């Protein structure tokens, strides 16, 4: 991460940046990412996505059936009508 940031890129792509980390380190990495404000984060961690994201995008089978703010996407997912897969992600407002 330090090597990528040393080049001062316009955008940084983080793929599961906190996966496998202990909670304290994950929190520190999350704080660092939030300070940058020029990133794209790919994650399966819905709670972390809520913290990171101004906008969420959920791909499903080559399409994007849900995108928007956390509130908009969570309403779409709760309705269960946007995903063709086996189940919509369960998003909580906590």
N, C-alpha and C. Protein backbone atom coordinates (compact mmCIF):
# COMPACT_ATOMS: atom_id res chain seq x y z
N UNK A 1 0.82 -1.18 0.00
CA UNK A 1 0.00 0.00 0.00
C UNK A 1 0.88 1.26 0.00
N UNK A 2 1.93 1.24 0.79
CA UNK A 2 2.81 2.41 0.87
C UNK A 2 3.46 2.70 -0.49
N UNK A 3 3.86 1.64 -1.18
CA UNK A 3 4.48 1.81 -2.50
C UNK A 3 3.52 2.47 -3.49
N UNK A 4 2.29 2.04 -3.47
CA UNK A 4 1.27 2.61 -4.37
C UNK A 4 1.01 4.07 -4.03
N UNK A 5 0.91 4.38 -2.77
CA UNK A 5 0.60 5.75 -2.35
C UNK A 5 1.77 6.70 -2.57
N UNK A 6 2.99 6.18 -2.56
CA UNK A 6 4.18 7.02 -2.76
C UNK A 6 4.17 7.67 -4.14
N UNK A 7 3.49 7.06 -5.10
CA UNK A 7 3.43 7.59 -6.46
C UNK A 7 2.32 8.65 -6.62
N UNK A 8 1.57 8.91 -5.55
CA UNK A 8 0.48 9.89 -5.54
C UNK A 8 -0.47 9.72 -6.73
N UNK A 9 -1.08 8.52 -6.85
CA UNK A 9 -1.98 8.27 -7.97
C UNK A 9 -3.29 9.04 -7.83
N UNK A 10 -3.98 9.23 -8.96
CA UNK A 10 -5.29 9.88 -8.93
C UNK A 10 -6.30 9.04 -8.16
N UNK A 11 -6.29 7.74 -8.41
CA UNK A 11 -7.23 6.81 -7.77
C UNK A 11 -6.45 5.57 -7.36
N UNK A 12 -6.82 5.01 -6.19
CA UNK A 12 -6.22 3.77 -5.72
C UNK A 12 -7.32 2.72 -5.66
N UNK A 13 -7.07 1.54 -6.21
CA UNK A 13 -8.00 0.43 -6.15
C UNK A 13 -7.59 -0.50 -5.02
N UNK A 14 -8.46 -0.67 -4.06
CA UNK A 14 -8.22 -1.59 -2.94
C UNK A 14 -9.12 -2.79 -3.12
N UNK A 15 -8.54 -3.98 -3.18
CA UNK A 15 -9.31 -5.21 -3.30
C UNK A 15 -9.27 -5.93 -1.96
N UNK A 16 -10.38 -5.92 -1.26
CA UNK A 16 -10.48 -6.53 0.07
C UNK A 16 -9.36 -6.06 1.00
N UNK A 17 -9.26 -4.76 1.22
CA UNK A 17 -8.12 -4.23 1.97
C UNK A 17 -8.04 -4.65 3.43
N UNK A 18 -9.14 -5.08 4.03
CA UNK A 18 -9.09 -5.47 5.43
C UNK A 18 -9.32 -6.96 5.65
N UNK A 19 -9.40 -7.72 4.57
CA UNK A 19 -9.63 -9.17 4.69
C UNK A 19 -8.48 -9.83 5.43
N UNK A 20 -8.81 -10.64 6.41
CA UNK A 20 -7.81 -11.41 7.14
C UNK A 20 -7.04 -10.63 8.19
N UNK A 21 -7.39 -9.37 8.38
CA UNK A 21 -6.68 -8.56 9.38
C UNK A 21 -7.40 -8.62 10.72
N UNK A 22 -6.64 -8.45 11.79
CA UNK A 22 -7.27 -8.37 13.10
C UNK A 22 -8.06 -7.06 13.18
N UNK A 23 -9.03 -6.95 14.08
CA UNK A 23 -9.89 -5.77 14.13
C UNK A 23 -9.16 -4.44 14.30
N UNK A 24 -8.11 -4.41 15.08
CA UNK A 24 -7.38 -3.15 15.31
C UNK A 24 -6.67 -2.70 14.04
N UNK A 25 -5.99 -3.63 13.37
CA UNK A 25 -5.30 -3.29 12.13
C UNK A 25 -6.31 -2.92 11.04
N UNK A 26 -7.41 -3.65 10.96
CA UNK A 26 -8.46 -3.34 9.98
C UNK A 26 -8.99 -1.93 10.19
N UNK A 27 -9.17 -1.53 11.43
CA UNK A 27 -9.63 -0.18 11.73
C UNK A 27 -8.61 0.87 11.28
N UNK A 28 -7.34 0.61 11.53
CA UNK A 28 -6.29 1.55 11.12
C UNK A 28 -6.20 1.67 9.60
N UNK A 29 -6.32 0.55 8.90
CA UNK A 29 -6.31 0.58 7.43
C UNK A 29 -7.53 1.34 6.93
N UNK A 30 -8.67 1.11 7.55
CA UNK A 30 -9.90 1.82 7.16
C UNK A 30 -9.74 3.32 7.34
N UNK A 31 -9.15 3.73 8.43
CA UNK A 31 -8.92 5.17 8.67
C UNK A 31 -8.02 5.77 7.59
N UNK A 32 -6.97 5.04 7.24
CA UNK A 32 -6.04 5.51 6.21
C UNK A 32 -6.77 5.66 4.87
N UNK A 33 -7.55 4.67 4.50
CA UNK A 33 -8.29 4.73 3.25
C UNK A 33 -9.26 5.90 3.24
N UNK A 34 -9.94 6.12 4.35
CA UNK A 34 -10.90 7.24 4.42
C UNK A 34 -10.20 8.60 4.31
N UNK A 35 -8.98 8.70 4.78
CA UNK A 35 -8.23 9.95 4.66
C UNK A 35 -7.87 10.26 3.21
N UNK A 36 -7.67 9.24 2.40
CA UNK A 36 -7.26 9.43 1.01
C UNK A 36 -8.34 10.08 0.16
N UNK A 37 -9.56 9.62 0.30
CA UNK A 37 -10.73 10.13 -0.44
C UNK A 37 -10.56 10.09 -1.96
N UNK A 38 -9.78 9.17 -2.45
CA UNK A 38 -9.64 9.00 -3.91
C UNK A 38 -9.37 7.53 -4.20
N UNK A 39 -10.40 6.72 -3.98
CA UNK A 39 -10.21 5.29 -4.07
C UNK A 39 -11.46 4.58 -4.55
N UNK A 40 -11.24 3.34 -4.95
CA UNK A 40 -12.31 2.40 -5.22
C UNK A 40 -12.00 1.19 -4.35
N UNK A 41 -12.98 0.73 -3.60
CA UNK A 41 -12.78 -0.41 -2.72
C UNK A 41 -13.68 -1.55 -3.17
N UNK A 42 -13.09 -2.72 -3.36
CA UNK A 42 -13.83 -3.94 -3.66
C UNK A 42 -13.85 -4.75 -2.38
N UNK A 43 -15.05 -5.08 -1.89
CA UNK A 43 -15.13 -5.82 -0.63
C UNK A 43 -16.41 -6.63 -0.54
N UNK A 44 -16.34 -7.69 0.25
CA UNK A 44 -17.52 -8.47 0.59
C UNK A 44 -18.01 -8.10 1.98
N UNK A 45 -17.30 -7.23 2.65
CA UNK A 45 -17.62 -6.82 4.01
C UNK A 45 -18.62 -5.66 3.96
N UNK A 46 -19.90 -5.97 4.10
CA UNK A 46 -20.96 -4.97 3.98
C UNK A 46 -20.81 -3.85 5.00
N UNK A 47 -20.42 -4.20 6.22
CA UNK A 47 -20.26 -3.16 7.25
C UNK A 47 -19.14 -2.19 6.89
N UNK A 48 -18.04 -2.72 6.37
CA UNK A 48 -16.93 -1.86 5.95
C UNK A 48 -17.35 -1.03 4.74
N UNK A 49 -18.10 -1.62 3.83
CA UNK A 49 -18.58 -0.88 2.65
C UNK A 49 -19.43 0.31 3.05
N UNK A 50 -20.23 0.12 4.07
CA UNK A 50 -21.08 1.22 4.56
C UNK A 50 -20.22 2.38 5.05
N UNK A 51 -19.11 2.06 5.69
CA UNK A 51 -18.21 3.09 6.21
C UNK A 51 -17.45 3.77 5.07
N UNK A 52 -16.94 2.99 4.12
CA UNK A 52 -16.12 3.51 3.03
C UNK A 52 -16.91 4.31 2.00
N UNK A 53 -18.09 3.84 1.67
CA UNK A 53 -18.70 4.23 0.40
C UNK A 53 -19.64 5.43 0.45
N UNK A 54 -19.48 6.30 -0.53
CA UNK A 54 -20.48 7.30 -0.83
C UNK A 54 -21.52 6.68 -1.76
N UNK A 55 -21.05 5.69 -2.52
CA UNK A 55 -21.90 5.01 -3.50
C UNK A 55 -21.51 3.54 -3.56
N UNK A 56 -22.49 2.66 -3.57
CA UNK A 56 -22.27 1.23 -3.67
C UNK A 56 -22.72 0.74 -5.03
N UNK A 57 -22.02 -0.26 -5.55
CA UNK A 57 -22.40 -0.89 -6.81
C UNK A 57 -22.35 -2.40 -6.57
N UNK A 58 -23.45 -3.09 -6.84
CA UNK A 58 -23.52 -4.54 -6.69
C UNK A 58 -23.65 -5.19 -8.05
N UNK A 59 -22.60 -5.84 -8.55
CA UNK A 59 -22.71 -6.57 -9.81
C UNK A 59 -23.40 -7.91 -9.58
N UNK A 60 -24.11 -8.37 -10.58
CA UNK A 60 -24.79 -9.66 -10.49
C UNK A 60 -24.91 -10.24 -11.88
N UNK A 61 -24.14 -11.27 -12.18
CA UNK A 61 -24.23 -11.94 -13.47
C UNK A 61 -23.95 -11.04 -14.66
N UNK A 62 -22.98 -10.14 -14.53
CA UNK A 62 -22.63 -9.27 -15.64
C UNK A 62 -23.47 -8.01 -15.73
N UNK A 63 -24.42 -7.83 -14.82
CA UNK A 63 -25.26 -6.63 -14.79
C UNK A 63 -25.07 -5.92 -13.46
N UNK A 64 -25.54 -4.70 -13.39
CA UNK A 64 -25.50 -3.94 -12.14
C UNK A 64 -26.95 -3.63 -11.75
N UNK A 65 -27.57 -4.54 -11.00
CA UNK A 65 -28.97 -4.36 -10.64
C UNK A 65 -29.21 -3.37 -9.50
N UNK A 66 -28.16 -3.04 -8.76
CA UNK A 66 -28.33 -2.12 -7.64
C UNK A 66 -27.11 -1.23 -7.51
N UNK A 67 -27.36 0.06 -7.45
CA UNK A 67 -26.28 1.02 -7.18
C UNK A 67 -26.89 2.27 -6.59
N UNK A 68 -26.10 2.96 -5.81
CA UNK A 68 -26.55 4.20 -5.18
C UNK A 68 -25.99 4.31 -3.78
N UNK A 69 -26.63 5.13 -2.98
CA UNK A 69 -26.20 5.28 -1.60
C UNK A 69 -26.49 3.99 -0.84
N UNK A 70 -25.94 3.86 0.34
CA UNK A 70 -26.18 2.67 1.15
C UNK A 70 -27.68 2.50 1.39
N UNK A 71 -28.36 3.58 1.69
CA UNK A 71 -29.80 3.53 1.97
C UNK A 71 -30.58 3.02 0.75
N UNK A 72 -30.28 3.56 -0.42
CA UNK A 72 -30.98 3.16 -1.64
C UNK A 72 -30.73 1.69 -1.95
N UNK A 73 -29.47 1.27 -1.89
CA UNK A 73 -29.13 -0.12 -2.21
C UNK A 73 -29.72 -1.06 -1.17
N UNK A 74 -29.68 -0.70 0.09
CA UNK A 74 -30.22 -1.59 1.13
C UNK A 74 -31.72 -1.77 0.95
N UNK A 75 -32.43 -0.74 0.54
CA UNK A 75 -33.88 -0.87 0.27
C UNK A 75 -34.10 -1.81 -0.91
N UNK A 76 -33.29 -1.70 -1.95
CA UNK A 76 -33.42 -2.57 -3.12
C UNK A 76 -33.14 -4.02 -2.75
N UNK A 77 -32.12 -4.23 -1.95
CA UNK A 77 -31.75 -5.59 -1.56
C UNK A 77 -32.80 -6.21 -0.66
N UNK A 78 -33.37 -5.43 0.22
CA UNK A 78 -34.42 -5.95 1.11
C UNK A 78 -35.64 -6.39 0.32
N UNK A 79 -35.92 -5.70 -0.77
CA UNK A 79 -37.07 -6.08 -1.58
C UNK A 79 -36.82 -7.40 -2.29
N UNK A 80 -35.52 -7.76 -2.47
CA UNK A 80 -35.16 -9.01 -3.11
C UNK A 80 -35.46 -9.05 -4.59
N UNK A 81 -35.76 -7.93 -5.17
CA UNK A 81 -36.18 -7.91 -6.56
C UNK A 81 -35.06 -7.55 -7.53
N UNK A 82 -33.88 -7.20 -7.06
CA UNK A 82 -32.85 -6.72 -7.96
C UNK A 82 -31.82 -7.78 -8.33
N UNK A 83 -31.79 -8.90 -7.63
CA UNK A 83 -30.76 -9.89 -7.87
C UNK A 83 -31.33 -11.15 -8.51
N UNK A 84 -30.64 -11.64 -9.53
CA UNK A 84 -31.08 -12.87 -10.19
C UNK A 84 -30.47 -14.09 -9.52
N UNK A 85 -29.43 -13.88 -8.71
CA UNK A 85 -28.75 -14.99 -8.03
C UNK A 85 -29.61 -15.60 -6.95
N UNK A 86 -29.01 -16.47 -6.15
CA UNK A 86 -29.78 -17.23 -5.16
C UNK A 86 -30.35 -16.36 -4.06
N UNK A 87 -29.64 -15.31 -3.67
CA UNK A 87 -30.17 -14.47 -2.58
C UNK A 87 -29.53 -13.10 -2.65
N UNK A 88 -30.31 -12.11 -2.30
CA UNK A 88 -29.80 -10.75 -2.22
C UNK A 88 -28.93 -10.61 -0.98
N UNK A 89 -27.91 -9.76 -1.01
CA UNK A 89 -27.11 -9.53 0.18
C UNK A 89 -27.99 -8.99 1.31
N UNK A 90 -27.71 -9.41 2.50
CA UNK A 90 -28.47 -8.91 3.65
C UNK A 90 -27.76 -7.71 4.22
N UNK A 91 -28.34 -6.55 4.06
CA UNK A 91 -27.74 -5.32 4.54
C UNK A 91 -28.48 -4.84 5.77
N UNK A 92 -27.75 -4.45 6.79
CA UNK A 92 -28.38 -3.90 7.97
C UNK A 92 -28.03 -2.43 8.09
N UNK A 93 -28.82 -1.68 8.78
CA UNK A 93 -28.58 -0.25 8.94
C UNK A 93 -27.75 0.01 10.18
N UNK A 94 -27.23 -1.01 10.84
CA UNK A 94 -26.45 -0.84 12.06
C UNK A 94 -25.11 -0.23 11.78
